[in-house]
Amino acid sequence: MSKLAAMGRTLRRWRDNILAFVREELHAEPDAWQRDALEAFASPDPSNRRISLQACVGPGKSAVLAWCGLWFLGTQGERGEHPKGAAVAVTGDNLRDNLWAELAKWMARSPYLSTAFVWTASRIFARDHPETFFLSARAWPRSGNIEEQGKTLSGLHSKYVLALVDESGTIPLTVLRAAEQALSNCTFGKIMQAGNPIATDGMLYAAASQLRHLWRVIVVTGDPDDPKRAPRVDLEWAKGQIETYGRENAWVSSFILGRFPTSSFNTLLSVEDVEAAMHRHLREDAYSWSQKRLGIDVARFGDDRTVIFPRQGLAAFKPVVMRAARTTDIAARAARAMDKWGGVEMVTVDDTGNWGAGVIDNLLAAGRPAIPIIFSDAALDQRYRNRRAEMWLTMADWVKRGAALPPLPELVAELTQPTYTFSNGKFLLEEKDQLKKRLGRSPDLADALALTFAFPDEPAALAGRLQQQSVGHTLHDFDPFDDRSLRGAR
């Protein structure tokens, strides 16, 4: 048997057995829930034409989308009818960094795919039919109207059609309009989406509710009590989150159990909001009237960073980032920043867990201003659950009101990943350890900037009355609106 004939026989076998393709050519062993998803994707049963992976955080859902996309390209089609597919995600950056990167990784493991196809940043195409045999990366217009959003997945005219949608929890259903039309006349047509159940107004929720009769919904859970739990979700972490916050907590429901919470999540800021702020230039008179402030987030663990973030009114400036620094060094660097900038009138330090006490004591001993902030303390404004929620939501509103941010790529993720919801009528921000798990690091830059919003902005001339001068004493219940708290601080 010739090599060509042997390859054709193998491809026909893989077409009938997607698990064999994944194991033999991609050298991966799917988890139990991944096997269910793969078999549903390859099934000719009409009830599996639309597949929704309603997933907890970190189970390997992007890998499943990539495996399905590569199997589609590698095994489908016929003479004169080539497979055509498109992939989209909640943002272009998300698609590039997650699903598109997964496609590149798994494609590189396959001698067959690496030979027959070409991967580029915007397209995977067959070498011998580059114009008609492809999977393309696409972006949907977040600010567009229904018609514009509906065109996102247009142009997929073939007997073999695929639409992959990653992180679909907040993508509107209108994005799938053209893909649905493509399913009307095809031999093999699939729509596969995956995302965290964080909102009740997107594609993922529609598949689980009003359109449930059209979708095969696979719930991917990290629940320690579920025998089919996703093993890639750390078991001890999941148990700890459930024990700490309870099963009805919104983030536990969505990111561990794979269930929709009772109320929708809301992101604080969009990528567009943050990038606009990073490209914004302000006249000096737009912010010079306000206090100069420093927010200091002190590192708690070895991989965390200490960040000193300067802000004046609508303008935030490049922060100082330190690693493995002693409290005396942090205080000295903050003092140097005050001297260099000149006229710094408020310094707020995160003292949650007493991590900032050493820095605060050193600054006060040197006659410098330092106000301790406990993120878990009661908020000044009773609309918020705690100080952390109050500062972060105030910061988000500041960005939207026309603020200018320094161009720091890491800050984009830190400001756009956190979500908030409501609990007993109060704003509640996603817990820091939950955010750190999803982000892959502590949001130290954003926390330091948020600290500069511990108190409402005031003109520079009024700042001195808020400085706490009691050397060696940290005033944890400091209230700037209580005159008794200001005695001795003038």
Protein backbone atom coordinates (compact mmCIF):
# COMPACT_ATOMS: atom_id res chain seq x y z
CA MET A 1 0.00 0.00 0.00
CA SER A 2 1.39 3.45 -0.96
CA LYS A 3 1.90 6.16 1.66
CA LEU A 4 -0.85 8.23 0.04
CA ALA A 5 -3.34 5.37 0.18
CA ALA A 6 -2.36 4.58 3.77
CA MET A 7 -2.87 8.24 4.75
CA GLY A 8 -6.29 8.25 3.08
CA ARG A 9 -7.30 5.18 5.03
CA THR A 10 -6.11 6.77 8.27
CA LEU A 11 -8.06 9.96 7.55
CA ARG A 12 -11.24 7.98 6.93
CA ARG A 13 -10.72 6.18 10.23
CA TRP A 14 -10.14 9.46 12.05
CA ARG A 15 -13.26 10.93 10.45
CA ASP A 16 -15.26 8.15 12.10
CA ASN A 17 -13.31 8.30 15.40
CA ILE A 18 -12.37 11.75 16.67
CA LEU A 19 -10.91 10.28 19.87
CA ALA A 20 -8.43 8.27 17.80
CA PHE A 21 -7.42 11.47 15.99
CA VAL A 22 -6.78 13.32 19.25
CA ARG A 23 -4.87 10.44 20.82
CA GLU A 24 -2.86 9.30 17.82
CA GLU A 25 -2.11 12.54 16.00
CA LEU A 26 -2.27 15.20 18.74
CA HIS A 27 -0.87 12.89 21.45
CA ALA A 28 -3.43 13.99 24.05
CA GLU A 29 -5.62 11.97 26.41
CA PRO A 30 -8.97 13.72 26.90
CA ASP A 31 -10.64 13.92 30.30
CA ALA A 32 -14.09 12.36 30.74
CA TRP A 33 -16.01 15.56 30.02
CA GLN A 34 -13.71 16.30 27.06
CA ARG A 35 -14.54 12.89 25.57
CA ASP A 36 -18.24 13.73 25.84
CA ALA A 37 -17.67 17.04 24.06
CA LEU A 38 -15.53 15.50 21.30
CA GLU A 39 -18.00 12.71 20.58
CA ALA A 40 -20.90 15.18 20.49
CA PHE A 41 -18.96 17.35 18.05
CA ALA A 42 -18.22 14.47 15.67
CA SER A 43 -21.74 13.02 15.92
CA PRO A 44 -23.99 13.30 12.83
CA ASP A 45 -27.05 13.47 15.12
CA PRO A 46 -28.90 16.77 14.42
CA SER A 47 -29.31 17.31 18.19
CA ASN A 48 -25.52 17.86 18.34
CA ARG A 49 -25.27 20.57 15.68
CA ARG A 50 -24.96 23.26 18.35
CA ILE A 51 -22.76 22.44 21.34
CA SER A 52 -22.34 24.69 24.39
CA LEU A 53 -19.57 24.09 26.93
CA GLN A 54 -20.81 25.81 30.09
CA ALA A 55 -17.57 25.68 32.00
CA CYS A 56 -15.87 26.45 35.27
CA VAL A 57 -12.48 28.17 35.12
CA GLY A 58 -9.42 26.28 33.89
CA PRO A 59 -10.79 22.86 32.80
CA GLY A 60 -9.19 22.80 29.33
CA LYS A 61 -12.12 24.09 27.25
CA SER A 62 -9.96 26.02 24.77
CA ALA A 63 -8.03 22.82 24.10
CA VAL A 64 -11.29 21.05 23.22
CA LEU A 65 -12.25 23.84 20.81
CA ALA A 66 -8.80 23.57 19.19
CA TRP A 67 -9.00 19.77 18.88
CA CYS A 68 -12.42 20.05 17.25
CA GLY A 69 -11.27 22.78 14.89
CA LEU A 70 -8.23 20.77 13.75
CA TRP A 71 -10.24 17.56 13.36
CA PHE A 72 -12.72 19.50 11.22
CA LEU A 73 -9.98 20.84 8.95
CA GLY A 74 -8.08 17.59 8.82
CA THR A 75 -10.85 15.08 8.14
CA GLN A 76 -13.87 16.80 6.57
CA GLY A 77 -14.66 17.79 3.00
CA GLU A 78 -14.96 16.16 -0.39
CA ARG A 79 -13.79 16.81 -3.92
CA GLY A 80 -14.91 20.32 -4.82
CA GLU A 81 -16.32 21.04 -1.35
CA HIS A 82 -13.78 22.30 1.15
CA PRO A 83 -14.31 22.95 4.87
CA LYS A 84 -14.73 26.57 5.89
CA GLY A 85 -14.69 27.75 9.48
CA ALA A 86 -14.36 30.84 11.63
CA ALA A 87 -13.32 31.42 15.21
CA VAL A 88 -14.30 34.33 17.42
CA ALA A 89 -13.88 35.21 21.10
CA VAL A 90 -15.04 37.90 23.48
CA THR A 91 -12.16 40.17 22.29
CA GLY A 92 -9.55 39.97 19.57
CA ASP A 93 -6.78 39.80 22.18
CA ASN A 94 -8.54 36.95 23.96
CA LEU A 95 -8.83 34.98 20.71
CA ARG A 96 -5.17 35.55 19.88
CA ASP A 97 -3.84 34.66 23.32
CA ASN A 98 -6.06 31.65 24.01
CA LEU A 99 -7.87 29.70 21.29
CA TRP A 100 -5.64 30.77 18.39
CA ALA A 101 -2.54 29.97 20.42
CA GLU A 102 -4.04 26.56 21.31
CA LEU A 103 -4.62 25.84 17.62
CA ALA A 104 -0.97 26.63 16.90
CA LYS A 105 0.26 24.44 19.75
CA TRP A 106 -1.72 21.35 18.81
CA MET A 107 -1.17 21.80 15.09
CA ALA A 108 2.59 21.78 15.70
CA ARG A 109 2.27 18.33 17.31
CA SER A 110 0.76 16.82 14.17
CA PRO A 111 3.05 15.85 11.27
CA TYR A 112 0.01 15.61 9.01
CA LEU A 113 -1.49 18.99 9.90
CA SER A 114 1.88 20.77 9.85
CA THR A 115 2.48 19.48 6.34
CA ALA A 116 -0.98 20.00 4.87
CA PHE A 117 -1.88 23.33 6.49
CA VAL A 118 -0.34 26.74 7.21
CA TRP A 119 -0.97 28.63 10.47
CA THR A 120 -0.88 32.45 10.41
CA ALA A 121 -2.01 35.05 12.93
CA SER A 122 -5.37 35.41 11.16
CA ARG A 123 -5.95 32.21 9.24
CA ILE A 124 -5.22 28.48 9.04
CA PHE A 125 -5.47 27.28 5.45
CA ALA A 126 -4.73 24.26 3.27
CA ARG A 127 -1.50 24.63 1.32
CA ASP A 128 -3.09 23.40 -1.91
CA HIS A 129 -6.37 25.37 -1.58
CA PRO A 130 -5.56 28.52 0.47
CA GLU A 131 -8.61 30.52 -0.66
CA THR A 132 -11.35 27.92 -0.14
CA PHE A 133 -10.11 25.61 2.63
CA PHE A 134 -9.64 27.50 5.90
CA LEU A 135 -10.38 28.45 9.50
CA SER A 136 -10.25 32.22 9.99
CA ALA A 137 -9.85 34.37 13.12
CA ARG A 138 -12.52 37.04 13.38
CA ALA A 139 -13.53 39.86 15.73
CA TRP A 140 -17.05 41.10 16.40
CA PRO A 141 -17.86 44.83 16.68
CA ARG A 142 -18.68 45.45 20.33
CA SER A 143 -20.07 48.90 19.56
CA GLY A 144 -21.77 47.88 16.31
CA ASN A 145 -25.48 47.54 15.71
CA ILE A 146 -27.31 44.23 15.38
CA GLU A 147 -26.70 44.07 11.63
CA GLU A 148 -22.96 44.66 11.99
CA GLN A 149 -22.62 42.09 14.77
CA GLY A 150 -24.65 39.60 12.77
CA LYS A 151 -22.11 39.73 9.94
CA THR A 152 -19.26 38.49 12.16
CA LEU A 153 -19.54 34.88 11.02
CA SER A 154 -20.78 35.54 7.51
CA GLY A 155 -19.24 34.10 4.36
CA LEU A 156 -19.21 30.46 5.46
CA HIS A 157 -20.81 28.94 2.38
CA SER A 158 -19.93 25.28 2.07
CA LYS A 159 -21.29 21.82 2.73
CA TYR A 160 -18.77 21.70 5.59
CA VAL A 161 -19.10 24.62 8.00
CA LEU A 162 -17.80 25.38 11.50
CA ALA A 163 -18.17 28.31 13.91
CA LEU A 164 -16.06 28.25 17.09
CA VAL A 165 -16.84 30.81 19.80
CA ASP A 166 -14.58 31.05 22.85
CA GLU A 167 -15.35 32.92 26.10
CA SER A 168 -18.93 33.39 24.93
CA GLY A 169 -20.42 34.26 28.33
CA THR A 170 -20.94 37.92 27.40
CA ILE A 171 -21.07 37.70 23.58
CA PRO A 172 -24.52 38.68 22.26
CA LEU A 173 -26.60 36.10 20.43
CA THR A 174 -26.65 38.32 17.33
CA VAL A 175 -23.07 37.29 16.54
CA LEU A 176 -24.34 33.82 15.57
CA ARG A 177 -26.89 35.04 13.05
CA ALA A 178 -24.84 34.26 9.91
CA ALA A 179 -23.54 30.99 11.32
CA GLU A 180 -27.11 29.81 11.88
CA GLN A 181 -27.90 30.56 8.23
CA ALA A 182 -24.89 28.51 7.12
CA LEU A 183 -26.28 25.45 8.93
CA SER A 184 -29.38 25.41 6.75
CA ASN A 185 -27.78 23.60 3.82
CA CYS A 186 -24.71 21.59 4.72
CA THR A 187 -23.46 18.03 5.02
CA PHE A 188 -21.50 18.73 8.21
CA GLY A 189 -22.23 21.93 10.10
CA LYS A 190 -21.39 22.76 13.70
CA ILE A 191 -21.52 25.70 16.07
CA MET A 192 -19.49 25.17 19.22
CA GLN A 193 -19.21 27.71 22.00
CA ALA A 194 -17.46 27.68 25.36
CA GLY A 195 -17.41 30.10 28.25
CA ASN A 196 -17.90 30.78 31.93
CA PRO A 197 -21.54 31.25 33.02
CA ILE A 198 -21.15 34.84 34.19
CA ALA A 199 -24.03 36.71 32.53
CA THR A 200 -27.68 36.10 31.78
CA ASP A 201 -27.81 38.11 28.55
CA GLY A 202 -25.27 36.39 26.31
CA MET A 203 -24.97 33.39 23.99
CA LEU A 204 -24.05 30.95 26.74
CA TYR A 205 -27.13 31.72 28.82
CA ALA A 206 -29.41 31.64 25.77
CA ALA A 207 -28.17 28.12 24.97
CA ALA A 208 -28.93 27.02 28.53
CA SER A 209 -32.37 28.66 28.73
CA GLN A 210 -34.67 29.85 25.93
CA LEU A 211 -32.77 28.00 23.17
CA ARG A 212 -32.07 24.85 25.17
CA HIS A 213 -34.08 22.76 22.72
CA LEU A 214 -31.55 23.59 20.00
CA TRP A 215 -28.32 23.16 21.95
CA ARG A 216 -26.45 20.25 23.46
CA VAL A 217 -25.27 21.79 26.73
CA ILE A 218 -22.30 20.17 28.49
CA VAL A 219 -21.74 21.52 32.01
CA VAL A 220 -18.05 21.39 32.92
CA THR A 221 -17.61 21.56 36.67
CA GLY A 222 -14.81 21.68 39.19
CA ASP A 223 -17.19 20.55 41.94
CA PRO A 224 -15.20 18.29 44.31
CA ASP A 225 -18.33 16.16 44.82
CA ASP A 226 -18.95 15.49 41.12
CA PRO A 227 -17.45 12.20 39.81
CA LYS A 228 -17.06 13.77 36.33
CA ARG A 229 -15.40 16.93 37.63
CA ALA A 230 -12.69 18.49 35.49
CA PRO A 231 -9.43 17.13 36.98
CA ARG A 232 -7.43 20.11 35.71
CA VAL A 233 -9.19 22.30 38.30
CA ASP A 234 -7.14 22.07 41.49
CA LEU A 235 -9.17 20.01 43.96
CA GLU A 236 -7.88 21.65 47.14
CA TRP A 237 -8.36 25.13 45.73
CA ALA A 238 -11.94 24.30 44.77
CA LYS A 239 -12.67 22.86 48.23
CA GLY A 240 -11.16 25.92 49.90
CA GLN A 241 -13.23 28.36 47.81
CA ILE A 242 -16.45 26.48 48.56
CA GLU A 243 -15.64 26.27 52.28
CA THR A 244 -14.76 29.97 52.45
CA TYR A 245 -17.54 31.51 50.36
CA GLY A 246 -20.24 28.85 50.13
CA ARG A 247 -21.81 27.14 47.13
CA GLU A 248 -24.27 29.98 46.53
CA ASN A 249 -21.52 32.58 46.16
CA ALA A 250 -21.68 34.03 42.64
CA TRP A 251 -18.04 33.32 41.81
CA VAL A 252 -18.14 29.83 43.25
CA SER A 253 -21.23 29.08 41.16
CA SER A 254 -19.68 30.33 37.93
CA PHE A 255 -15.98 29.61 38.17
CA ILE A 256 -15.99 26.37 40.19
CA LEU A 257 -19.40 24.75 39.79
CA GLY A 258 -20.02 25.86 36.21
CA ARG A 259 -23.49 27.17 37.08
CA PHE A 260 -25.11 30.51 36.36
CA PRO A 261 -25.33 32.69 39.48
CA THR A 262 -28.61 34.16 40.63
CA SER A 263 -27.48 37.61 39.44
CA SER A 264 -25.37 38.57 36.45
CA PHE A 265 -21.74 39.55 36.66
CA ASN A 266 -20.60 42.87 35.31
CA THR A 267 -17.08 43.72 34.24
CA LEU A 268 -15.73 46.93 35.71
CA LEU A 269 -14.08 48.10 32.51
CA SER A 270 -13.80 46.99 28.90
CA VAL A 271 -10.52 46.67 27.02
CA GLU A 272 -11.63 49.65 24.94
CA ASP A 273 -12.13 51.77 28.09
CA VAL A 274 -8.62 51.05 29.36
CA GLU A 275 -6.85 51.39 26.02
CA ALA A 276 -8.58 54.72 25.41
CA ALA A 277 -7.33 55.95 28.80
CA MET A 278 -3.79 54.81 27.96
CA HIS A 279 -3.85 56.82 24.72
CA ARG A 280 -5.39 59.89 26.32
CA HIS A 281 -3.31 63.04 26.83
CA LEU A 282 -4.53 65.73 29.23
CA ARG A 283 -3.67 69.39 29.57
CA GLU A 284 -1.97 70.05 32.90
CA ASP A 285 -4.76 72.34 34.02
CA ALA A 286 -7.15 69.38 33.80
CA TYR A 287 -5.57 67.76 36.86
CA SER A 288 -3.10 70.17 38.51
CA TRP A 289 -5.76 71.55 40.84
CA SER A 290 -6.07 68.22 42.66
CA GLN A 291 -4.08 66.53 45.42
CA LYS A 292 -1.02 64.53 44.56
CA ARG A 293 -1.48 61.01 45.90
CA LEU A 294 0.52 57.81 46.21
CA GLY A 295 -1.11 54.38 46.57
CA ILE A 296 1.20 51.70 47.97
CA ASP A 297 0.37 48.01 47.64
CA VAL A 298 2.90 46.03 49.67
CA ALA A 299 3.87 42.56 48.40
CA ARG A 300 2.49 39.69 50.48
CA PHE A 301 4.22 36.71 48.91
CA GLY A 302 7.34 35.98 46.93
CA ASP A 303 5.81 36.33 43.45
CA ASP A 304 3.81 39.47 44.29
CA ARG A 305 5.09 42.95 43.60
CA THR A 306 5.20 46.06 45.74
CA VAL A 307 3.77 48.92 43.69
CA ILE A 308 3.86 52.66 44.38
CA PHE A 309 1.33 54.33 42.09
CA PRO A 310 1.17 58.15 41.71
CA ARG A 311 -2.03 59.95 40.75
CA GLN A 312 -3.20 63.55 40.59
CA GLY A 313 -6.84 64.09 39.70
CA LEU A 314 -7.55 62.65 36.27
CA ALA A 315 -3.91 61.77 35.60
CA ALA A 316 -2.14 58.62 36.78
CA PHE A 317 1.58 58.33 36.20
CA LYS A 318 4.11 55.53 35.77
CA PRO A 319 4.35 53.50 38.99
CA VAL A 320 7.38 52.19 40.83
CA VAL A 321 7.49 48.37 40.94
CA MET A 322 9.66 46.53 43.49
CA ARG A 323 10.23 42.83 44.14
CA ALA A 324 11.47 41.11 47.30
CA ALA A 325 11.88 44.51 48.98
CA ARG A 326 12.17 45.10 52.74
CA THR A 327 9.76 47.48 54.44
CA THR A 328 12.55 49.99 55.08
CA ASP A 329 13.48 49.97 51.38
CA ILE A 330 9.84 50.43 50.36
CA ALA A 331 9.40 53.37 52.75
CA ALA A 332 12.66 54.93 51.54
CA ARG A 333 11.63 54.56 47.90
CA ALA A 334 8.22 56.10 48.65
CA ALA A 335 9.89 59.01 50.45
CA ARG A 336 12.17 59.54 47.46
CA ALA A 337 9.14 59.56 45.17
CA MET A 338 7.51 62.21 47.37
CA ASP A 339 10.60 64.38 47.21
CA LYS A 340 11.01 63.94 43.48
CA TRP A 341 7.38 64.69 42.66
CA GLY A 342 7.02 67.40 45.29
CA GLY A 343 3.91 68.32 47.22
CA VAL A 344 2.54 64.82 47.75
CA GLU A 345 -0.36 65.28 50.13
CA MET A 346 -1.85 61.83 50.63
CA VAL A 347 -0.21 58.41 50.86
CA THR A 348 -2.50 55.42 51.34
CA VAL A 349 -1.02 52.01 52.13
CA ASP A 350 -2.75 48.63 51.99
CA ASP A 351 -2.55 47.30 55.55
CA THR A 352 -4.92 44.36 55.05
CA GLY A 353 -3.54 41.50 57.14
CA ASN A 354 -1.03 43.95 58.66
CA TRP A 355 1.26 43.54 55.63
CA GLY A 356 1.75 47.28 55.27
CA ALA A 357 2.38 48.07 58.94
CA GLY A 358 6.16 48.17 58.61
CA VAL A 359 6.04 50.57 55.68
CA ILE A 360 3.49 52.78 57.47
CA ASP A 361 5.53 52.91 60.68
CA ASN A 362 8.73 53.79 58.80
CA LEU A 363 7.02 56.57 56.86
CA LEU A 364 5.40 58.04 59.98
CA ALA A 365 8.67 57.85 61.89
CA ALA A 366 10.27 59.89 59.11
CA GLY A 367 7.54 62.52 59.36
CA ARG A 368 5.87 61.43 56.13
CA PRO A 369 2.12 61.02 55.58
CA ALA A 370 0.75 57.48 55.60
CA ILE A 371 -2.86 56.34 55.98
CA PRO A 372 -3.52 52.61 56.51
CA ILE A 373 -6.33 51.11 54.45
CA ILE A 374 -7.96 47.78 55.26
CA PHE A 375 -9.59 46.45 52.08
CA SER A 376 -12.10 44.38 54.05
CA ASP A 377 -13.25 47.27 56.29
CA ALA A 378 -16.72 48.77 55.94
CA ALA A 379 -17.03 51.21 53.05
CA LEU A 380 -17.45 54.94 53.61
CA ASP A 381 -20.36 54.81 51.15
CA GLN A 382 -22.90 52.22 52.27
CA ARG A 383 -23.69 51.26 48.66
CA TYR A 384 -20.53 49.12 48.68
CA ARG A 385 -19.84 45.91 50.58
CA ASN A 386 -16.36 46.97 51.71
CA ARG A 387 -13.51 49.40 51.08
CA ARG A 388 -12.07 47.29 48.27
CA ALA A 389 -15.31 47.35 46.26
CA GLU A 390 -15.70 51.07 46.94
CA MET A 391 -12.17 51.96 45.75
CA TRP A 392 -12.23 49.72 42.68
CA LEU A 393 -15.64 50.86 41.43
CA THR A 394 -14.69 54.49 42.05
CA MET A 395 -11.52 53.89 40.04
CA ALA A 396 -13.51 52.33 37.18
CA ASP A 397 -15.84 55.33 37.09
CA TRP A 398 -12.74 57.61 37.03
CA VAL A 399 -11.39 55.78 33.95
CA LYS A 400 -14.73 56.18 32.16
CA ARG A 401 -14.89 59.90 33.03
CA GLY A 402 -11.85 60.71 30.92
CA ALA A 403 -8.81 59.72 32.98
CA ALA A 404 -5.33 59.20 31.55
CA LEU A 405 -3.40 56.01 32.37
CA PRO A 406 0.26 55.15 31.76
CA PRO A 407 0.75 52.65 28.89
CA LEU A 408 1.26 49.46 30.91
CA PRO A 409 0.16 46.26 29.08
CA GLU A 410 -0.18 44.30 32.35
CA LEU A 411 -2.61 46.91 33.67
CA VAL A 412 -5.07 46.17 30.85
CA ALA A 413 -5.78 42.65 32.13
CA GLU A 414 -5.78 43.72 35.79
CA LEU A 415 -8.43 46.37 35.15
CA THR A 416 -10.64 44.41 32.74
CA GLN A 417 -10.71 40.95 34.34
CA PRO A 418 -12.39 41.75 37.71
CA THR A 419 -16.16 41.52 37.85
CA TYR A 420 -18.75 42.74 40.32
CA THR A 421 -22.25 41.80 41.27
CA PHE A 422 -24.82 42.80 43.91
CA SER A 423 -25.36 41.16 47.27
CA ASN A 424 -28.17 42.37 49.55
CA GLY A 425 -28.32 45.59 47.59
CA LYS A 426 -24.59 46.36 47.82
CA PHE A 427 -21.85 46.33 45.19
CA LEU A 428 -19.60 43.30 45.72
CA LEU A 429 -16.27 42.94 43.93
CA GLU A 430 -14.83 39.58 42.94
CA GLU A 431 -12.61 38.23 45.71
CA LYS A 432 -8.89 38.82 45.19
CA ASP A 433 -7.83 35.20 45.48
CA GLN A 434 -10.46 34.23 42.90
CA LEU A 435 -9.24 36.95 40.55
CA LYS A 436 -5.63 35.93 41.10
CA LYS A 437 -6.49 32.36 40.14
CA ARG A 438 -8.01 33.50 36.82
CA LEU A 439 -5.45 36.23 36.13
CA GLY A 440 -2.45 34.06 36.97
CA ARG A 441 -0.94 36.74 39.24
CA SER A 442 -1.89 39.25 41.90
CA PRO A 443 -3.41 42.50 40.52
CA ASP A 444 -0.79 44.58 42.31
CA LEU A 445 -0.73 47.47 39.82
CA ALA A 446 -4.49 47.92 39.91
CA ASP A 447 -4.66 47.54 43.70
CA ALA A 448 -2.05 50.27 44.15
CA LEU A 449 -3.93 52.61 41.83
CA ALA A 450 -7.22 51.79 43.58
CA LEU A 451 -5.68 52.87 46.90
CA THR A 452 -5.46 56.44 45.60
CA PHE A 453 -9.29 56.41 45.62
CA ALA A 454 -9.59 55.61 49.32
CA PHE A 455 -10.99 59.12 49.88
CA PRO A 456 -12.78 61.48 47.49
CA ASP A 457 -10.52 63.75 45.46
CA GLU A 458 -10.06 67.22 46.91
CA PRO A 459 -8.23 70.39 45.89
CA ALA A 460 -4.59 70.38 46.94
CA ALA A 461 -5.05 73.03 49.60
CA LEU A 462 -7.33 70.76 51.69
CA ALA A 463 -5.16 67.66 51.68
CA GLY A 464 -3.10 68.28 54.81
CA ARG A 465 -5.97 67.72 57.20
CA LEU A 466 -6.25 64.05 56.17
CA GLN A 467 -2.67 63.12 57.01
CA GLN A 468 -2.32 60.89 60.07
CA GLN A 469 0.76 61.92 62.05
CA SER A 470 0.70 59.62 65.10
CA VAL A 471 4.16 58.04 64.90
CA GLY A 472 4.15 54.26 65.37
CA HIS A 473 0.36 54.03 65.46
CA THR A 474 -1.85 52.80 62.62
CA LEU A 475 -5.38 54.12 62.81
CA HIS A 476 -7.42 51.30 61.22
CA ASP A 477 -10.83 52.97 61.72
CA PHE A 478 -9.75 56.40 60.44
CA ASP A 479 -12.79 58.42 59.31
CA PRO A 480 -11.96 61.56 57.28
CA PHE A 481 -15.43 62.95 57.91
CA ASP A 482 -15.21 62.73 61.72
CA ASP A 483 -13.58 65.83 63.25
CA ARG A 484 -12.43 63.79 66.24
CA SER A 485 -10.20 61.78 63.90
CA LEU A 486 -8.47 64.98 62.73
CA ARG A 487 -7.19 66.22 66.09
CA GLY A 488 -3.42 66.33 66.06
CA ALA A 489 -3.33 65.76 62.27
CA ARG A 490 -3.18 69.39 61.33
